[in-house]
Amino acid sequence: MQQSETAHDSMRIIRFPELHRRIGLSRTQIWRLEKEGEFPKSIPLGKNSKGWIEADVIAWLLERRKVA
């Protein structure tokens, strides 16, 4: 894999349906965790849409795994 592909993969944006499948939290739970600084912040994608950087979500999951 080339370096540019690796950088591109780390910046992949996931939308809520995929995020929900991966972590199982509701929109409200995610919003509360974001507000408390305990979950990666979403980024705006348009007027009514947002997403999360996949690498940030994976890092959050790995950190939670260490705590458990």
PDB file of N, CA and C in Angstrom:
ATOM      1  N   MET A   1       0.852  -1.185   0.000  1.00  0.00           N
ATOM      2  CA  MET A   1       0.000   0.000   0.000  1.00  0.00           C
ATOM      3  C   MET A   1       0.894   1.243   0.000  1.00  0.00           C
ATOM      4  N   GLN A   2       0.536   2.193  -0.809  1.00  0.00           N
ATOM      5  CA  GLN A   2       1.308   3.414  -0.894  1.00  0.00           C
ATOM      6  C   GLN A   2       0.983   4.338   0.259  1.00  0.00           C
ATOM      7  N   GLN A   3       1.907   5.238   0.561  1.00  0.00           N
ATOM      8  CA  GLN A   3       1.725   6.172   1.664  1.00  0.00           C
ATOM      9  C   GLN A   3       0.486   7.040   1.465  1.00  0.00           C
ATOM     10  N   SER A   4       0.221   7.472   0.243  1.00  0.00           N
ATOM     11  CA  SER A   4      -0.945   8.320   0.004  1.00  0.00           C
ATOM     12  C   SER A   4      -2.241   7.565   0.273  1.00  0.00           C
ATOM     13  N   GLU A   5      -2.269   6.262  -0.015  1.00  0.00           N
ATOM     14  CA  GLU A   5      -3.455   5.462   0.284  1.00  0.00           C
ATOM     15  C   GLU A   5      -3.649   5.336   1.787  1.00  0.00           C
ATOM     16  N   THR A   6      -2.571   5.159   2.527  1.00  0.00           N
ATOM     17  CA  THR A   6      -2.649   5.051   3.972  1.00  0.00           C
ATOM     18  C   THR A   6      -3.175   6.351   4.570  1.00  0.00           C
ATOM     19  N   ALA A   7      -2.676   7.471   4.115  1.00  0.00           N
ATOM     20  CA  ALA A   7      -3.140   8.767   4.615  1.00  0.00           C
ATOM     21  C   ALA A   7      -4.613   8.962   4.272  1.00  0.00           C
ATOM     22  N   HIS A   8      -5.004   8.557   3.080  1.00  0.00           N
ATOM     23  CA  HIS A   8      -6.403   8.679   2.666  1.00  0.00           C
ATOM     24  C   HIS A   8      -7.303   7.820   3.539  1.00  0.00           C
ATOM     25  N   ASP A   9      -6.889   6.574   3.814  1.00  0.00           N
ATOM     26  CA  ASP A   9      -7.687   5.673   4.650  1.00  0.00           C
ATOM     27  C   ASP A   9      -7.858   6.219   6.055  1.00  0.00           C
ATOM     28  N   SER A  10      -6.842   6.872   6.592  1.00  0.00           N
ATOM     29  CA  SER A  10      -6.934   7.388   7.947  1.00  0.00           C
ATOM     30  C   SER A  10      -7.885   8.576   8.040  1.00  0.00           C
ATOM     31  N   MET A  11      -8.194   9.197   6.912  1.00  0.00           N
ATOM     32  CA  MET A  11      -9.096  10.338   6.890  1.00  0.00           C
ATOM     33  C   MET A  11     -10.494   9.959   6.388  1.00  0.00           C
ATOM     34  N   ARG A  12     -10.779   8.680   6.295  1.00  0.00           N
ATOM     35  CA  ARG A  12     -12.097   8.233   5.828  1.00  0.00           C
ATOM     36  C   ARG A  12     -13.161   8.740   6.798  1.00  0.00           C
ATOM     37  N   ILE A  13     -14.241   9.254   6.240  1.00  0.00           N
ATOM     38  CA  ILE A  13     -15.344   9.773   7.044  1.00  0.00           C
ATOM     39  C   ILE A  13     -16.448   8.725   7.105  1.00  0.00           C
ATOM     40  N   ILE A  14     -16.953   8.496   8.312  1.00  0.00           N
ATOM     41  CA  ILE A  14     -18.090   7.591   8.450  1.00  0.00           C
ATOM     42  C   ILE A  14     -19.290   8.387   8.944  1.00  0.00           C
ATOM     43  N   ARG A  15     -20.444   8.036   8.437  1.00  0.00           N
ATOM     44  CA  ARG A  15     -21.686   8.698   8.823  1.00  0.00           C
ATOM     45  C   ARG A  15     -22.324   7.920   9.964  1.00  0.00           C
ATOM     46  N   PHE A  16     -23.393   8.460  10.536  1.00  0.00           N
ATOM     47  CA  PHE A  16     -23.993   7.870  11.727  1.00  0.00           C
ATOM     48  C   PHE A  16     -24.403   6.404  11.579  1.00  0.00           C
ATOM     49  N   PRO A  17     -25.055   5.976  10.489  1.00  0.00           N
ATOM     50  CA  PRO A  17     -25.456   4.560  10.431  1.00  0.00           C
ATOM     51  C   PRO A  17     -24.279   3.591  10.616  1.00  0.00           C
ATOM     52  N   GLU A  18     -23.154   3.890   9.981  1.00  0.00           N
ATOM     53  CA  GLU A  18     -21.975   3.032  10.142  1.00  0.00           C
ATOM     54  C   GLU A  18     -21.395   3.168  11.547  1.00  0.00           C
ATOM     55  N   LEU A  19     -21.362   4.383  12.063  1.00  0.00           N
ATOM     56  CA  LEU A  19     -20.877   4.603  13.426  1.00  0.00           C
ATOM     57  C   LEU A  19     -21.716   3.802  14.416  1.00  0.00           C
ATOM     58  N   HIS A  20     -23.016   3.858  14.251  1.00  0.00           N
ATOM     59  CA  HIS A  20     -23.926   3.134  15.139  1.00  0.00           C
ATOM     60  C   HIS A  20     -23.686   1.619  15.058  1.00  0.00           C
ATOM     61  N   ARG A  21     -23.496   1.097  13.851  1.00  0.00           N
ATOM     62  CA  ARG A  21     -23.211  -0.343  13.699  1.00  0.00           C
ATOM     63  C   ARG A  21     -21.920  -0.730  14.416  1.00  0.00           C
ATOM     64  N   ARG A  22     -20.937   0.152  14.375  1.00  0.00           N
ATOM     65  CA  ARG A  22     -19.631  -0.166  14.971  1.00  0.00           C
ATOM     66  C   ARG A  22     -19.621  -0.068  16.490  1.00  0.00           C
ATOM     67  N   ILE A  23     -20.310   0.933  17.039  1.00  0.00           N
ATOM     68  CA  ILE A  23     -20.190   1.138  18.487  1.00  0.00           C
ATOM     69  C   ILE A  23     -21.471   0.924  19.255  1.00  0.00           C
ATOM     70  N   GLY A  24     -22.608   0.894  18.564  1.00  0.00           N
ATOM     71  CA  GLY A  24     -23.868   0.569  19.217  1.00  0.00           C
ATOM     72  C   GLY A  24     -24.468   1.656  20.095  1.00  0.00           C
ATOM     73  N   LEU A  25     -23.983   2.875  19.997  1.00  0.00           N
ATOM     74  CA  LEU A  25     -24.537   3.960  20.800  1.00  0.00           C
ATOM     75  C   LEU A  25     -25.541   4.761  19.982  1.00  0.00           C
ATOM     76  N   SER A  26     -26.522   5.340  20.667  1.00  0.00           N
ATOM     77  CA  SER A  26     -27.525   6.170  20.001  1.00  0.00           C
ATOM     78  C   SER A  26     -26.946   7.547  19.692  1.00  0.00           C
ATOM     79  N   ARG A  27     -27.679   8.304  18.878  1.00  0.00           N
ATOM     80  CA  ARG A  27     -27.266   9.678  18.557  1.00  0.00           C
ATOM     81  C   ARG A  27     -27.129  10.515  19.832  1.00  0.00           C
ATOM     82  N   THR A  28     -28.085  10.340  20.744  1.00  0.00           N
ATOM     83  CA  THR A  28     -28.062  11.118  21.984  1.00  0.00           C
ATOM     84  C   THR A  28     -26.857  10.757  22.839  1.00  0.00           C
ATOM     85  N   GLN A  29     -26.549   9.481  22.953  1.00  0.00           N
ATOM     86  CA  GLN A  29     -25.385   9.064  23.741  1.00  0.00           C
ATOM     87  C   GLN A  29     -24.095   9.618  23.141  1.00  0.00           C
ATOM     88  N   ILE A  30     -23.987   9.563  21.824  1.00  0.00           N
ATOM     89  CA  ILE A  30     -22.797  10.090  21.152  1.00  0.00           C
ATOM     90  C   ILE A  30     -22.697  11.596  21.366  1.00  0.00           C
ATOM     91  N   TRP A  31     -23.832  12.290  21.215  1.00  0.00           N
ATOM     92  CA  TRP A  31     -23.848  13.741  21.415  1.00  0.00           C
ATOM     93  C   TRP A  31     -23.376  14.099  22.820  1.00  0.00           C
ATOM     94  N   ARG A  32     -23.871  13.373  23.830  1.00  0.00           N
ATOM     95  CA  ARG A  32     -23.462  13.655  25.220  1.00  0.00           C
ATOM     96  C   ARG A  32     -21.977  13.409  25.419  1.00  0.00           C
ATOM     97  N   LEU A  33     -21.472  12.302  24.886  1.00  0.00           N
ATOM     98  CA  LEU A  33     -20.046  12.006  25.019  1.00  0.00           C
ATOM     99  C   LEU A  33     -19.197  13.065  24.313  1.00  0.00           C
ATOM    100  N   GLU A  34     -19.632  13.504  23.135  1.00  0.00           N
ATOM    101  CA  GLU A  34     -18.913  14.572  22.429  1.00  0.00           C
ATOM    102  C   GLU A  34     -18.890  15.844  23.272  1.00  0.00           C
ATOM    103  N   LYS A  35     -20.029  16.192  23.815  1.00  0.00           N
ATOM    104  CA  LYS A  35     -20.151  17.410  24.620  1.00  0.00           C
ATOM    105  C   LYS A  35     -19.228  17.359  25.838  1.00  0.00           C
ATOM    106  N   GLU A  36     -19.076  16.165  26.424  1.00  0.00           N
ATOM    107  CA  GLU A  36     -18.218  15.985  27.599  1.00  0.00           C
ATOM    108  C   GLU A  36     -16.747  15.819  27.220  1.00  0.00           C
ATOM    109  N   GLY A  37     -16.442  15.787  25.928  1.00  0.00           N
ATOM    110  CA  GLY A  37     -15.069  15.615  25.468  1.00  0.00           C
ATOM    111  C   GLY A  37     -14.581  14.187  25.569  1.00  0.00           C
ATOM    112  N   GLU A  38     -15.499  13.230  25.628  1.00  0.00           N
ATOM    113  CA  GLU A  38     -15.129  11.826  25.792  1.00  0.00           C
ATOM    114  C   GLU A  38     -15.326  11.000  24.528  1.00  0.00           C
ATOM    115  N   PHE A  39     -15.627  11.666  23.413  1.00  0.00           N
ATOM    116  CA  PHE A  39     -15.797  10.985  22.138  1.00  0.00           C
ATOM    117  C   PHE A  39     -15.303  11.927  21.058  1.00  0.00           C
ATOM    118  N   PRO A  40     -14.741  11.384  19.973  1.00  0.00           N
ATOM    119  CA  PRO A  40     -14.256  12.264  18.897  1.00  0.00           C
ATOM    120  C   PRO A  40     -15.358  13.184  18.372  1.00  0.00           C
ATOM    121  N   LYS A  41     -15.011  14.420  18.141  1.00  0.00           N
ATOM    122  CA  LYS A  41     -15.961  15.400  17.624  1.00  0.00           C
ATOM    123  C   LYS A  41     -16.324  15.072  16.177  1.00  0.00           C
ATOM    124  N   SER A  42     -17.575  15.286  15.850  1.00  0.00           N
ATOM    125  CA  SER A  42     -18.011  15.128  14.465  1.00  0.00           C
ATOM    126  C   SER A  42     -17.543  16.334  13.666  1.00  0.00           C
ATOM    127  N   ILE A  43     -17.518  16.158  12.367  1.00  0.00           N
ATOM    128  CA  ILE A  43     -17.156  17.265  11.486  1.00  0.00           C
ATOM    129  C   ILE A  43     -18.324  17.529  10.542  1.00  0.00           C
ATOM    130  N   PRO A  44     -18.583  18.795  10.261  1.00  0.00           N
ATOM    131  CA  PRO A  44     -19.690  19.109   9.358  1.00  0.00           C
ATOM    132  C   PRO A  44     -19.348  18.708   7.926  1.00  0.00           C
ATOM    133  N   LEU A  45     -20.315  18.087   7.257  1.00  0.00           N
ATOM    134  CA  LEU A  45     -20.134  17.687   5.864  1.00  0.00           C
ATOM    135  C   LEU A  45     -21.023  18.499   4.932  1.00  0.00           C
ATOM    136  N   GLY A  46     -22.000  19.136   5.484  1.00  0.00           N
ATOM    137  CA  GLY A  46     -22.939  19.935   4.708  1.00  0.00           C
ATOM    138  C   GLY A  46     -23.876  20.630   5.664  1.00  0.00           C
ATOM    139  N   LYS A  47     -24.915  21.218   5.125  1.00  0.00           N
ATOM    140  CA  LYS A  47     -25.846  21.975   5.952  1.00  0.00           C
ATOM    141  C   LYS A  47     -26.493  21.102   7.029  1.00  0.00           C
ATOM    142  N   ASN A  48     -26.895  19.903   6.683  1.00  0.00           N
ATOM    143  CA  ASN A  48     -27.589  19.024   7.628  1.00  0.00           C
ATOM    144  C   ASN A  48     -26.921  17.665   7.795  1.00  0.00           C
ATOM    145  N   SER A  49     -25.630  17.606   7.587  1.00  0.00           N
ATOM    146  CA  SER A  49     -24.962  16.310   7.718  1.00  0.00           C
ATOM    147  C   SER A  49     -23.621  16.462   8.419  1.00  0.00           C
ATOM    148  N   LYS A  50     -23.245  15.395   9.091  1.00  0.00           N
ATOM    149  CA  LYS A  50     -21.947  15.369   9.756  1.00  0.00           C
ATOM    150  C   LYS A  50     -21.414  13.954   9.719  1.00  0.00           C
ATOM    151  N   GLY A  51     -20.143  13.833  10.011  1.00  0.00           N
ATOM    152  CA  GLY A  51     -19.500  12.530  10.018  1.00  0.00           C
ATOM    153  C   GLY A  51     -18.367  12.532  11.017  1.00  0.00           C
ATOM    154  N   TRP A  52     -17.765  11.375  11.175  1.00  0.00           N
ATOM    155  CA  TRP A  52     -16.652  11.206  12.107  1.00  0.00           C
ATOM    156  C   TRP A  52     -15.478  10.616  11.352  1.00  0.00           C
ATOM    157  N   ILE A  53     -14.279  11.028  11.724  1.00  0.00           N
ATOM    158  CA  ILE A  53     -13.082  10.471  11.100  1.00  0.00           C
ATOM    159  C   ILE A  53     -12.889   9.065  11.655  1.00  0.00           C
ATOM    160  N   GLU A  54     -12.851   8.104  10.748  1.00  0.00           N
ATOM    161  CA  GLU A  54     -12.795   6.698  11.126  1.00  0.00           C
ATOM    162  C   GLU A  54     -11.616   6.400  12.053  1.00  0.00           C
ATOM    163  N   ALA A  55     -10.453   6.943  11.764  1.00  0.00           N
ATOM    164  CA  ALA A  55      -9.272   6.690  12.589  1.00  0.00           C
ATOM    165  C   ALA A  55      -9.482   7.160  14.027  1.00  0.00           C
ATOM    166  N   ASP A  56     -10.191   8.287  14.211  1.00  0.00           N
ATOM    167  CA  ASP A  56     -10.473   8.784  15.557  1.00  0.00           C
ATOM    168  C   ASP A  56     -11.410   7.843  16.309  1.00  0.00           C
ATOM    169  N   VAL A  57     -12.397   7.314  15.593  1.00  0.00           N
ATOM    170  CA  VAL A  57     -13.343   6.384  16.213  1.00  0.00           C
ATOM    171  C   VAL A  57     -12.634   5.085  16.596  1.00  0.00           C
ATOM    172  N   ILE A  58     -11.774   4.591  15.729  1.00  0.00           N
ATOM    173  CA  ILE A  58     -11.019   3.364  16.031  1.00  0.00           C
ATOM    174  C   ILE A  58     -10.126   3.583  17.244  1.00  0.00           C
ATOM    175  N   ALA A  59      -9.450   4.735  17.306  1.00  0.00           N
ATOM    176  CA  ALA A  59      -8.598   5.037  18.457  1.00  0.00           C
ATOM    177  C   ALA A  59      -9.429   5.093  19.740  1.00  0.00           C
ATOM    178  N   TRP A  60     -10.628   5.669  19.670  1.00  0.00           N
ATOM    179  CA  TRP A  60     -11.521   5.732  20.836  1.00  0.00           C
ATOM    180  C   TRP A  60     -11.905   4.320  21.277  1.00  0.00           C
ATOM    181  N   LEU A  61     -12.240   3.467  20.316  1.00  0.00           N
ATOM    182  CA  LEU A  61     -12.603   2.087  20.647  1.00  0.00           C
ATOM    183  C   LEU A  61     -11.436   1.347  21.304  1.00  0.00           C
ATOM    184  N   LEU A  62     -10.250   1.521  20.774  1.00  0.00           N
ATOM    185  CA  LEU A  62      -9.074   0.861  21.342  1.00  0.00           C
ATOM    186  C   LEU A  62      -8.811   1.349  22.767  1.00  0.00           C
ATOM    187  N   GLU A  63      -8.989   2.633  22.999  1.00  0.00           N
ATOM    188  CA  GLU A  63      -8.799   3.182  24.340  1.00  0.00           C
ATOM    189  C   GLU A  63      -9.826   2.614  25.300  1.00  0.00           C
ATOM    190  N   ARG A  64     -11.065   2.506  24.856  1.00  0.00           N
ATOM    191  CA  ARG A  64     -12.124   1.934  25.711  1.00  0.00           C
ATOM    192  C   ARG A  64     -11.798   0.484  26.040  1.00  0.00           C
ATOM    193  N   ARG A  65     -11.223  -0.210  25.099  1.00  0.00           N
ATOM    194  CA  ARG A  65     -10.861  -1.616  25.297  1.00  0.00           C
ATOM    195  C   ARG A  65      -9.803  -1.747  26.398  1.00  0.00           C
ATOM    196  N   LYS A  66      -8.872  -0.793  26.433  1.00  0.00           N
ATOM    197  CA  LYS A  66      -7.830  -0.797  27.482  1.00  0.00           C
ATOM    198  C   LYS A  66      -8.429  -0.588  28.866  1.00  0.00           C
ATOM    199  N   VAL A  67      -9.439   0.272  28.937  1.00  0.00           N
ATOM    200  CA  VAL A  67     -10.059   0.622  30.213  1.00  0.00           C
ATOM    201  C   VAL A  67     -10.872  -0.544  30.765  1.00  0.00           C
ATOM    202  N   ALA A  68     -11.518  -1.280  29.859  1.00  0.00           N
ATOM    203  CA  ALA A  68     -12.416  -2.369  30.272  1.00  0.00           C
ATOM    204  C   ALA A  68     -11.717  -3.535  30.901  1.00  0.00           C
TER     205      ALA A  68
END
